[in-house]
Amino acid sequence: MDIKKNVLITGAGSGIGFATAQRFAREGYTIIAVGRNKKGLEQLREAIGNEHYFILFDLIRLEKIPHLIARIEKKVGPIDILINNAGIGLFKKFEDIPDSAIDKIVRTNLFAPMALSRAVFPSMKARGGTIVNIASVAGKRTWKHLTAYSTSKFGLIGFSNSLRRECMYYTYPISIIVVCPPAVDTPFFDNAGYYDYKKDHLGQKLLSAEEVADEIYFAVVHNKREVLVGMRAKILDKLYAFSPRFIEWLEDWVKRK
């Protein structure tokens, strides 16, 4: 790569974001790592070096996002690739979820990517760029006790597809990519309150964060529209399109076994 490109990655302090920052750094990109996990960002700095940028920031502060982007562009330069990775979940019956939790999930998983995309749009319209939204298979299929999270991820996919059409219509040189991972071996499940996920899914092999990071890098390099990560996710997506009721019944049946 002749010119170093600036890549902003949210949720870079752990899991998929951490691995993705490492993957792009190895390829010569300049990383702007944003996250609320101070210790994780410090560990990432140790892993990829001080020539990159590390910003402690909570995306739930939507009103501060335009100032964040302005500050980054002033210090680092225009953002070439925005990877909206930060996300939170909650495994709980919908009727038991407090309004504050729903607000936090939707703000982090949907409203923050929208605000970040809007903030980088002026420079990307002028010089080109790529926006990658890390959704989930839970944005294409549903699970019980994951209603708020699925809602946010369905919304993120809808936002991505609609924004892509606008970019095409107005001939903006911006690529919009959606990446949908299945279950990944990260702190997500513990953070979402499902501490027994691995115990309840003994036959399921979780993908590693590094495998997902490789898919994200591949999607950017080859300008993919949408990527479902892993063969299992691809097969279930096709089957779900053919017979949603059967797949929902099958998943609930497997869970009861």
C-alpha atoms as a PDB file:
ATOM      1  CA  MET A   1       0.000   0.000   0.000  1.00  0.00           C
ATOM      2  CA  ASP A   2       1.697   3.235  -1.158  1.00  0.00           C
ATOM      3  CA  ILE A   3      -0.264   5.711   0.983  1.00  0.00           C
ATOM      4  CA  LYS A   4      -1.062   4.995   4.596  1.00  0.00           C
ATOM      5  CA  LYS A   5      -4.808   5.084   5.087  1.00  0.00           C
ATOM      6  CA  ASN A   6      -6.508   6.130   8.290  1.00  0.00           C
ATOM      7  CA  VAL A   7      -8.834   3.530   9.795  1.00  0.00           C
ATOM      8  CA  LEU A   8     -11.141   4.461  12.673  1.00  0.00           C
ATOM      9  CA  ILE A   9     -12.277   1.406  14.633  1.00  0.00           C
ATOM     10  CA  THR A  10     -14.799   1.661  17.454  1.00  0.00           C
ATOM     11  CA  GLY A  11     -14.928  -0.854  20.280  1.00  0.00           C
ATOM     12  CA  ALA A  12     -11.203  -1.389  19.716  1.00  0.00           C
ATOM     13  CA  GLY A  13     -10.394  -2.237  23.322  1.00  0.00           C
ATOM     14  CA  SER A  14     -11.469  -5.877  23.115  1.00  0.00           C
ATOM     15  CA  GLY A  15     -12.799  -8.698  20.977  1.00  0.00           C
ATOM     16  CA  ILE A  16     -13.400  -8.137  17.276  1.00  0.00           C
ATOM     17  CA  GLY A  17     -12.335  -4.486  17.393  1.00  0.00           C
ATOM     18  CA  PHE A  18      -9.020  -5.351  19.046  1.00  0.00           C
ATOM     19  CA  ALA A  19      -8.278  -8.084  16.489  1.00  0.00           C
ATOM     20  CA  THR A  20      -9.346  -5.882  13.578  1.00  0.00           C
ATOM     21  CA  ALA A  21      -7.038  -3.086  14.698  1.00  0.00           C
ATOM     22  CA  GLN A  22      -4.157  -5.569  14.776  1.00  0.00           C
ATOM     23  CA  ARG A  23      -5.065  -6.921  11.330  1.00  0.00           C
ATOM     24  CA  PHE A  24      -5.163  -3.521   9.638  1.00  0.00           C
ATOM     25  CA  ALA A  25      -2.051  -2.321  11.481  1.00  0.00           C
ATOM     26  CA  ARG A  26      -0.110  -5.297  10.101  1.00  0.00           C
ATOM     27  CA  GLU A  27      -1.125  -4.214   6.613  1.00  0.00           C
ATOM     28  CA  GLY A  28       0.292  -0.719   7.089  1.00  0.00           C
ATOM     29  CA  TYR A  29      -2.843   1.254   7.906  1.00  0.00           C
ATOM     30  CA  THR A  30      -2.849   3.991  10.540  1.00  0.00           C
ATOM     31  CA  ILE A  31      -5.257   3.005  13.304  1.00  0.00           C
ATOM     32  CA  ILE A  32      -7.472   5.361  15.267  1.00  0.00           C
ATOM     33  CA  ALA A  33      -8.680   3.086  18.044  1.00  0.00           C
ATOM     34  CA  VAL A  34     -11.752   4.330  19.902  1.00  0.00           C
ATOM     35  CA  GLY A  35     -13.204   2.581  22.920  1.00  0.00           C
ATOM     36  CA  ARG A  36     -14.313   2.859  26.519  1.00  0.00           C
ATOM     37  CA  ASN A  37     -12.044   0.057  27.769  1.00  0.00           C
ATOM     38  CA  LYS A  38      -8.969   1.946  28.989  1.00  0.00           C
ATOM     39  CA  LYS A  39      -6.998  -1.176  29.872  1.00  0.00           C
ATOM     40  CA  GLY A  40      -7.847  -2.752  26.522  1.00  0.00           C
ATOM     41  CA  LEU A  41      -6.697   0.316  24.599  1.00  0.00           C
ATOM     42  CA  GLU A  42      -3.434   0.302  26.550  1.00  0.00           C
ATOM     43  CA  GLN A  43      -2.928  -3.362  25.645  1.00  0.00           C
ATOM     44  CA  LEU A  44      -3.661  -2.554  22.013  1.00  0.00           C
ATOM     45  CA  ARG A  45      -1.065   0.220  22.112  1.00  0.00           C
ATOM     46  CA  GLU A  46       1.477  -2.314  23.348  1.00  0.00           C
ATOM     47  CA  ALA A  47       0.469  -4.700  20.560  1.00  0.00           C
ATOM     48  CA  ILE A  48       0.547  -2.320  17.559  1.00  0.00           C
ATOM     49  CA  GLY A  49       2.778   0.552  18.682  1.00  0.00           C
ATOM     50  CA  ASN A  50       2.717   4.241  19.550  1.00  0.00           C
ATOM     51  CA  GLU A  51       2.531   5.425  15.939  1.00  0.00           C
ATOM     52  CA  HIS A  52      -1.228   4.829  16.082  1.00  0.00           C
ATOM     53  CA  TYR A  53      -3.885   6.772  17.982  1.00  0.00           C
ATOM     54  CA  PHE A  54      -5.920   5.664  20.976  1.00  0.00           C
ATOM     55  CA  ILE A  55      -8.980   7.547  22.216  1.00  0.00           C
ATOM     56  CA  LEU A  56     -11.006   6.781  25.324  1.00  0.00           C
ATOM     57  CA  PHE A  57     -14.596   7.606  24.432  1.00  0.00           C
ATOM     58  CA  ASP A  58     -18.085   6.291  25.191  1.00  0.00           C
ATOM     59  CA  LEU A  59     -20.226   6.317  22.057  1.00  0.00           C
ATOM     60  CA  ILE A  60     -23.395   6.697  24.069  1.00  0.00           C
ATOM     61  CA  ARG A  61     -22.488  10.403  24.164  1.00  0.00           C
ATOM     62  CA  LEU A  62     -23.987  10.950  20.722  1.00  0.00           C
ATOM     63  CA  GLU A  63     -23.885  14.735  20.913  1.00  0.00           C
ATOM     64  CA  LYS A  64     -20.080  14.608  21.305  1.00  0.00           C
ATOM     65  CA  ILE A  65     -19.447  12.482  18.200  1.00  0.00           C
ATOM     66  CA  PRO A  66     -19.161  15.386  15.699  1.00  0.00           C
ATOM     67  CA  HIS A  67     -16.552  16.988  17.974  1.00  0.00           C
ATOM     68  CA  LEU A  68     -14.711  13.659  18.244  1.00  0.00           C
ATOM     69  CA  ILE A  69     -14.470  13.310  14.465  1.00  0.00           C
ATOM     70  CA  ALA A  70     -13.436  16.945  14.021  1.00  0.00           C
ATOM     71  CA  ARG A  71     -10.679  16.467  16.591  1.00  0.00           C
ATOM     72  CA  ILE A  72      -9.445  13.292  14.891  1.00  0.00           C
ATOM     73  CA  GLU A  73      -9.446  14.832  11.417  1.00  0.00           C
ATOM     74  CA  LYS A  74      -7.533  17.867  12.684  1.00  0.00           C
ATOM     75  CA  LYS A  75      -4.853  15.738  14.341  1.00  0.00           C
ATOM     76  CA  VAL A  76      -4.627  12.672  12.083  1.00  0.00           C
ATOM     77  CA  GLY A  77      -6.255  13.725   8.820  1.00  0.00           C
ATOM     78  CA  PRO A  78      -9.373  12.535   6.975  1.00  0.00           C
ATOM     79  CA  ILE A  79     -10.725   9.105   7.825  1.00  0.00           C
ATOM     80  CA  ASP A  80     -10.487   6.709   4.896  1.00  0.00           C
ATOM     81  CA  ILE A  81     -12.196   3.730   6.532  1.00  0.00           C
ATOM     82  CA  LEU A  82     -14.724   3.842   9.359  1.00  0.00           C
ATOM     83  CA  ILE A  83     -15.383   0.513  11.056  1.00  0.00           C
ATOM     84  CA  ASN A  84     -18.445   0.749  13.302  1.00  0.00           C
ATOM     85  CA  ASN A  85     -17.720  -2.246  15.486  1.00  0.00           C
ATOM     86  CA  ALA A  86     -18.700  -1.229  19.029  1.00  0.00           C
ATOM     87  CA  GLY A  87     -21.749  -3.066  20.272  1.00  0.00           C
ATOM     88  CA  ILE A  88     -23.436  -4.249  23.438  1.00  0.00           C
ATOM     89  CA  GLY A  89     -26.100  -6.875  24.074  1.00  0.00           C
ATOM     90  CA  LEU A  90     -28.439  -8.081  26.768  1.00  0.00           C
ATOM     91  CA  PHE A  91     -29.978 -11.531  27.173  1.00  0.00           C
ATOM     92  CA  LYS A  92     -33.270 -10.875  28.959  1.00  0.00           C
ATOM     93  CA  LYS A  93     -37.009 -11.261  28.454  1.00  0.00           C
ATOM     94  CA  PHE A  94     -38.252  -8.176  26.634  1.00  0.00           C
ATOM     95  CA  GLU A  95     -40.858  -7.401  29.286  1.00  0.00           C
ATOM     96  CA  ASP A  96     -38.125  -7.316  31.926  1.00  0.00           C
ATOM     97  CA  ILE A  97     -35.714  -4.981  30.127  1.00  0.00           C
ATOM     98  CA  PRO A  98     -35.646  -1.491  31.636  1.00  0.00           C
ATOM     99  CA  ASP A  99     -36.043   1.466  29.309  1.00  0.00           C
ATOM    100  CA  SER A 100     -32.553   2.661  30.197  1.00  0.00           C
ATOM    101  CA  ALA A 101     -31.021  -0.610  28.941  1.00  0.00           C
ATOM    102  CA  ILE A 102     -32.930  -0.459  25.653  1.00  0.00           C
ATOM    103  CA  ASP A 103     -31.818   3.144  25.187  1.00  0.00           C
ATOM    104  CA  LYS A 104     -28.166   2.235  25.815  1.00  0.00           C
ATOM    105  CA  ILE A 105     -28.243  -0.717  23.404  1.00  0.00           C
ATOM    106  CA  VAL A 106     -29.895   1.197  20.570  1.00  0.00           C
ATOM    107  CA  ARG A 107     -27.686   4.248  21.096  1.00  0.00           C
ATOM    108  CA  THR A 108     -24.496   2.190  21.018  1.00  0.00           C
ATOM    109  CA  ASN A 109     -25.390  -0.294  18.275  1.00  0.00           C
ATOM    110  CA  LEU A 110     -27.410   1.881  15.888  1.00  0.00           C
ATOM    111  CA  PHE A 111     -27.489   5.591  16.676  1.00  0.00           C
ATOM    112  CA  ALA A 112     -23.714   5.849  17.215  1.00  0.00           C
ATOM    113  CA  PRO A 113     -22.857   4.275  13.822  1.00  0.00           C
ATOM    114  CA  MET A 114     -25.357   6.627  12.203  1.00  0.00           C
ATOM    115  CA  ALA A 115     -23.827   9.641  13.951  1.00  0.00           C
ATOM    116  CA  LEU A 116     -20.278   8.563  13.100  1.00  0.00           C
ATOM    117  CA  SER A 117     -21.203   7.951   9.471  1.00  0.00           C
ATOM    118  CA  ARG A 118     -22.804  11.374   9.240  1.00  0.00           C
ATOM    119  CA  ALA A 119     -19.733  12.976  10.788  1.00  0.00           C
ATOM    120  CA  VAL A 120     -17.254  11.442   8.297  1.00  0.00           C
ATOM    121  CA  PHE A 121     -19.523  11.992   5.302  1.00  0.00           C
ATOM    122  CA  PRO A 122     -18.280  15.464   4.268  1.00  0.00           C
ATOM    123  CA  SER A 123     -14.668  14.369   3.800  1.00  0.00           C
ATOM    124  CA  MET A 124     -15.600  11.009   2.293  1.00  0.00           C
ATOM    125  CA  LYS A 125     -17.913  12.632  -0.265  1.00  0.00           C
ATOM    126  CA  ALA A 126     -15.001  14.764  -1.428  1.00  0.00           C
ATOM    127  CA  ARG A 127     -12.240  12.146  -1.542  1.00  0.00           C
ATOM    128  CA  GLY A 128     -13.858   8.710  -1.221  1.00  0.00           C
ATOM    129  CA  GLY A 129     -14.002   6.275   1.639  1.00  0.00           C
ATOM    130  CA  THR A 130     -15.441   3.117   3.135  1.00  0.00           C
ATOM    131  CA  ILE A 131     -17.896   2.619   5.990  1.00  0.00           C
ATOM    132  CA  VAL A 132     -18.044  -0.863   7.498  1.00  0.00           C
ATOM    133  CA  ASN A 133     -20.910  -1.643   9.848  1.00  0.00           C
ATOM    134  CA  ILE A 134     -20.416  -4.728  12.008  1.00  0.00           C
ATOM    135  CA  ALA A 135     -23.927  -6.096  12.394  1.00  0.00           C
ATOM    136  CA  SER A 136     -24.673  -9.685  13.372  1.00  0.00           C
ATOM    137  CA  VAL A 137     -26.532 -12.766  12.253  1.00  0.00           C
ATOM    138  CA  ALA A 138     -28.949 -11.538  14.949  1.00  0.00           C
ATOM    139  CA  GLY A 139     -29.693  -8.697  12.535  1.00  0.00           C
ATOM    140  CA  LYS A 140     -30.940 -11.206   9.981  1.00  0.00           C
ATOM    141  CA  ARG A 141     -32.504 -13.856  12.224  1.00  0.00           C
ATOM    142  CA  THR A 142     -34.061 -13.563  15.661  1.00  0.00           C
ATOM    143  CA  TRP A 143     -33.553 -15.199  19.036  1.00  0.00           C
ATOM    144  CA  LYS A 144     -35.649 -15.101  22.153  1.00  0.00           C
ATOM    145  CA  HIS A 145     -34.282 -13.006  25.030  1.00  0.00           C
ATOM    146  CA  LEU A 146     -32.237 -10.952  22.563  1.00  0.00           C
ATOM    147  CA  THR A 147     -34.954  -8.596  21.346  1.00  0.00           C
ATOM    148  CA  ALA A 148     -33.316  -5.222  21.982  1.00  0.00           C
ATOM    149  CA  TYR A 149     -30.004  -6.338  20.476  1.00  0.00           C
ATOM    150  CA  SER A 150     -31.634  -7.887  17.410  1.00  0.00           C
ATOM    151  CA  THR A 151     -33.702  -4.743  16.905  1.00  0.00           C
ATOM    152  CA  SER A 152     -30.569  -2.610  16.877  1.00  0.00           C
ATOM    153  CA  LYS A 153     -28.757  -4.918  14.450  1.00  0.00           C
ATOM    154  CA  PHE A 154     -31.734  -5.230  12.084  1.00  0.00           C
ATOM    155  CA  GLY A 155     -31.771  -1.446  12.128  1.00  0.00           C
ATOM    156  CA  LEU A 156     -28.036  -1.247  11.409  1.00  0.00           C
ATOM    157  CA  ILE A 157     -28.411  -3.467   8.348  1.00  0.00           C
ATOM    158  CA  GLY A 158     -31.379  -1.408   7.140  1.00  0.00           C
ATOM    159  CA  PHE A 159     -29.417   1.805   7.661  1.00  0.00           C
ATOM    160  CA  SER A 160     -26.446   0.388   5.746  1.00  0.00           C
ATOM    161  CA  ASN A 161     -28.503  -0.763   2.775  1.00  0.00           C
ATOM    162  CA  SER A 162     -30.415   2.503   2.547  1.00  0.00           C
ATOM    163  CA  LEU A 163     -27.255   4.621   2.858  1.00  0.00           C
ATOM    164  CA  ARG A 164     -25.571   2.550   0.146  1.00  0.00           C
ATOM    165  CA  ARG A 165     -28.449   3.307  -2.219  1.00  0.00           C
ATOM    166  CA  GLU A 166     -28.175   7.021  -1.490  1.00  0.00           C
ATOM    167  CA  CYS A 167     -24.442   6.938  -2.212  1.00  0.00           C
ATOM    168  CA  MET A 168     -25.082   5.174  -5.502  1.00  0.00           C
ATOM    169  CA  TYR A 169     -27.908   7.544  -6.461  1.00  0.00           C
ATOM    170  CA  TYR A 170     -25.858  10.674  -5.776  1.00  0.00           C
ATOM    171  CA  THR A 171     -22.641   9.062  -7.126  1.00  0.00           C
ATOM    172  CA  TYR A 172     -20.802   9.590  -3.863  1.00  0.00           C
ATOM    173  CA  PRO A 173     -17.481   7.647  -3.897  1.00  0.00           C
ATOM    174  CA  ILE A 174     -18.316   5.891  -0.619  1.00  0.00           C
ATOM    175  CA  SER A 175     -18.581   2.136  -0.141  1.00  0.00           C
ATOM    176  CA  ILE A 176     -20.940   0.763   2.506  1.00  0.00           C
ATOM    177  CA  ILE A 177     -20.155  -2.732   3.772  1.00  0.00           C
ATOM    178  CA  VAL A 178     -22.066  -4.895   6.259  1.00  0.00           C
ATOM    179  CA  VAL A 179     -20.353  -7.734   8.122  1.00  0.00           C
ATOM    180  CA  CYS A 180     -22.522 -10.222  10.035  1.00  0.00           C
ATOM    181  CA  PRO A 181     -20.633 -12.483  12.428  1.00  0.00           C
ATOM    182  CA  PRO A 182     -22.309 -15.352  14.314  1.00  0.00           C
ATOM    183  CA  ALA A 183     -21.284 -16.249  17.880  1.00  0.00           C
ATOM    184  CA  VAL A 184     -17.658 -15.253  18.459  1.00  0.00           C
ATOM    185  CA  ASP A 185     -15.353 -16.191  21.320  1.00  0.00           C
ATOM    186  CA  THR A 186     -15.198 -12.745  22.946  1.00  0.00           C
ATOM    187  CA  PRO A 187     -16.430 -11.238  26.241  1.00  0.00           C
ATOM    188  CA  PHE A 188     -19.749 -10.375  24.522  1.00  0.00           C
ATOM    189  CA  PHE A 189     -21.836 -13.100  26.172  1.00  0.00           C
ATOM    190  CA  ASP A 190     -20.536 -12.451  29.682  1.00  0.00           C
ATOM    191  CA  ASN A 191     -21.034  -8.717  29.220  1.00  0.00           C
ATOM    192  CA  ALA A 192     -24.580  -9.389  27.991  1.00  0.00           C
ATOM    193  CA  GLY A 193     -25.426 -11.500  31.036  1.00  0.00           C
ATOM    194  CA  TYR A 194     -25.379 -14.918  29.367  1.00  0.00           C
ATOM    195  CA  TYR A 195     -22.623 -16.541  31.431  1.00  0.00           C
ATOM    196  CA  ASP A 196     -23.524 -20.109  30.467  1.00  0.00           C
ATOM    197  CA  TYR A 197     -23.539 -19.633  26.688  1.00  0.00           C
ATOM    198  CA  LYS A 198     -20.664 -22.041  26.051  1.00  0.00           C
ATOM    199  CA  LYS A 199     -22.112 -24.587  28.460  1.00  0.00           C
ATOM    200  CA  ASP A 200     -25.502 -24.374  26.744  1.00  0.00           C
ATOM    201  CA  HIS A 201     -23.952 -24.750  23.266  1.00  0.00           C
ATOM    202  CA  LEU A 202     -21.376 -27.488  23.759  1.00  0.00           C
ATOM    203  CA  GLY A 203     -21.576 -28.651  20.159  1.00  0.00           C
ATOM    204  CA  GLN A 204     -21.063 -25.189  18.680  1.00  0.00           C
ATOM    205  CA  LYS A 205     -17.604 -24.031  17.677  1.00  0.00           C
ATOM    206  CA  LEU A 206     -17.248 -20.324  18.312  1.00  0.00           C
ATOM    207  CA  LEU A 207     -15.317 -18.310  15.768  1.00  0.00           C
ATOM    208  CA  SER A 208     -12.261 -16.435  16.954  1.00  0.00           C
ATOM    209  CA  ALA A 209     -12.074 -12.642  16.831  1.00  0.00           C
ATOM    210  CA  GLU A 210      -9.100 -13.023  14.488  1.00  0.00           C
ATOM    211  CA  GLU A 211     -11.190 -14.989  11.974  1.00  0.00           C
ATOM    212  CA  VAL A 212     -13.769 -12.212  11.923  1.00  0.00           C
ATOM    213  CA  ALA A 213     -11.037  -9.578  11.583  1.00  0.00           C
ATOM    214  CA  ASP A 214      -9.709 -11.398   8.524  1.00  0.00           C
ATOM    215  CA  GLU A 215     -13.190 -11.334   6.979  1.00  0.00           C
ATOM    216  CA  ILE A 216     -13.529  -7.612   7.679  1.00  0.00           C
ATOM    217  CA  TYR A 217     -10.180  -6.931   6.022  1.00  0.00           C
ATOM    218  CA  PHE A 218     -11.144  -9.088   3.041  1.00  0.00           C
ATOM    219  CA  ALA A 219     -14.469  -7.253   2.714  1.00  0.00           C
ATOM    220  CA  VAL A 220     -12.732  -3.869   2.641  1.00  0.00           C
ATOM    221  CA  VAL A 221     -10.031  -4.884   0.161  1.00  0.00           C
ATOM    222  CA  HIS A 222     -12.567  -6.483  -2.192  1.00  0.00           C
ATOM    223  CA  ASN A 223     -15.345  -3.944  -1.574  1.00  0.00           C
ATOM    224  CA  LYS A 224     -17.971  -6.505  -0.608  1.00  0.00           C
ATOM    225  CA  ARG A 225     -21.607  -5.515  -0.062  1.00  0.00           C
ATOM    226  CA  GLU A 226     -22.407  -7.926   2.764  1.00  0.00           C
ATOM    227  CA  VAL A 227     -20.390 -10.680   4.389  1.00  0.00           C
ATOM    228  CA  LEU A 228     -21.774 -13.454   6.574  1.00  0.00           C
ATOM    229  CA  VAL A 229     -18.879 -14.881   8.530  1.00  0.00           C
ATOM    230  CA  GLY A 230     -18.518 -18.654   8.592  1.00  0.00           C
ATOM    231  CA  MET A 231     -20.097 -21.472   6.608  1.00  0.00           C
ATOM    232  CA  ARG A 232     -22.638 -22.273   9.331  1.00  0.00           C
ATOM    233  CA  ALA A 233     -23.974 -18.705   9.229  1.00  0.00           C
ATOM    234  CA  LYS A 234     -24.208 -18.792   5.438  1.00  0.00           C
ATOM    235  CA  ILE A 235     -26.120 -22.089   5.408  1.00  0.00           C
ATOM    236  CA  LEU A 236     -28.550 -21.061   8.154  1.00  0.00           C
ATOM    237  CA  ASP A 237     -29.181 -17.742   6.409  1.00  0.00           C
ATOM    238  CA  LYS A 238     -30.217 -19.559   3.219  1.00  0.00           C
ATOM    239  CA  LEU A 239     -32.402 -22.013   5.138  1.00  0.00           C
ATOM    240  CA  TYR A 240     -34.007 -19.221   7.135  1.00  0.00           C
ATOM    241  CA  ALA A 241     -34.933 -17.373   3.940  1.00  0.00           C
ATOM    242  CA  PHE A 242     -36.622 -20.545   2.723  1.00  0.00           C
ATOM    243  CA  SER A 243     -38.384 -21.531   5.970  1.00  0.00           C
ATOM    244  CA  PRO A 244     -38.094 -19.152   8.945  1.00  0.00           C
ATOM    245  CA  ARG A 245     -40.494 -21.155  11.134  1.00  0.00           C
ATOM    246  CA  PHE A 246     -38.548 -24.372  10.720  1.00  0.00           C
ATOM    247  CA  ILE A 247     -35.208 -22.770  11.629  1.00  0.00           C
ATOM    248  CA  GLU A 248     -36.729 -21.027  14.656  1.00  0.00           C
ATOM    249  CA  TRP A 249     -38.276 -24.314  15.801  1.00  0.00           C
ATOM    250  CA  LEU A 250     -35.014 -26.181  15.213  1.00  0.00           C
ATOM    251  CA  GLU A 251     -32.919 -23.704  17.197  1.00  0.00           C
ATOM    252  CA  ASP A 252     -35.347 -23.771  20.126  1.00  0.00           C
ATOM    253  CA  TRP A 253     -35.485 -27.595  19.974  1.00  0.00           C
ATOM    254  CA  VAL A 254     -31.665 -27.862  20.037  1.00  0.00           C
ATOM    255  CA  LYS A 255     -31.571 -25.477  22.994  1.00  0.00           C
ATOM    256  CA  ARG A 256     -33.951 -27.734  24.968  1.00  0.00           C
ATOM    257  CA  LYS A 257     -31.878 -30.858  24.386  1.00  0.00           C
END
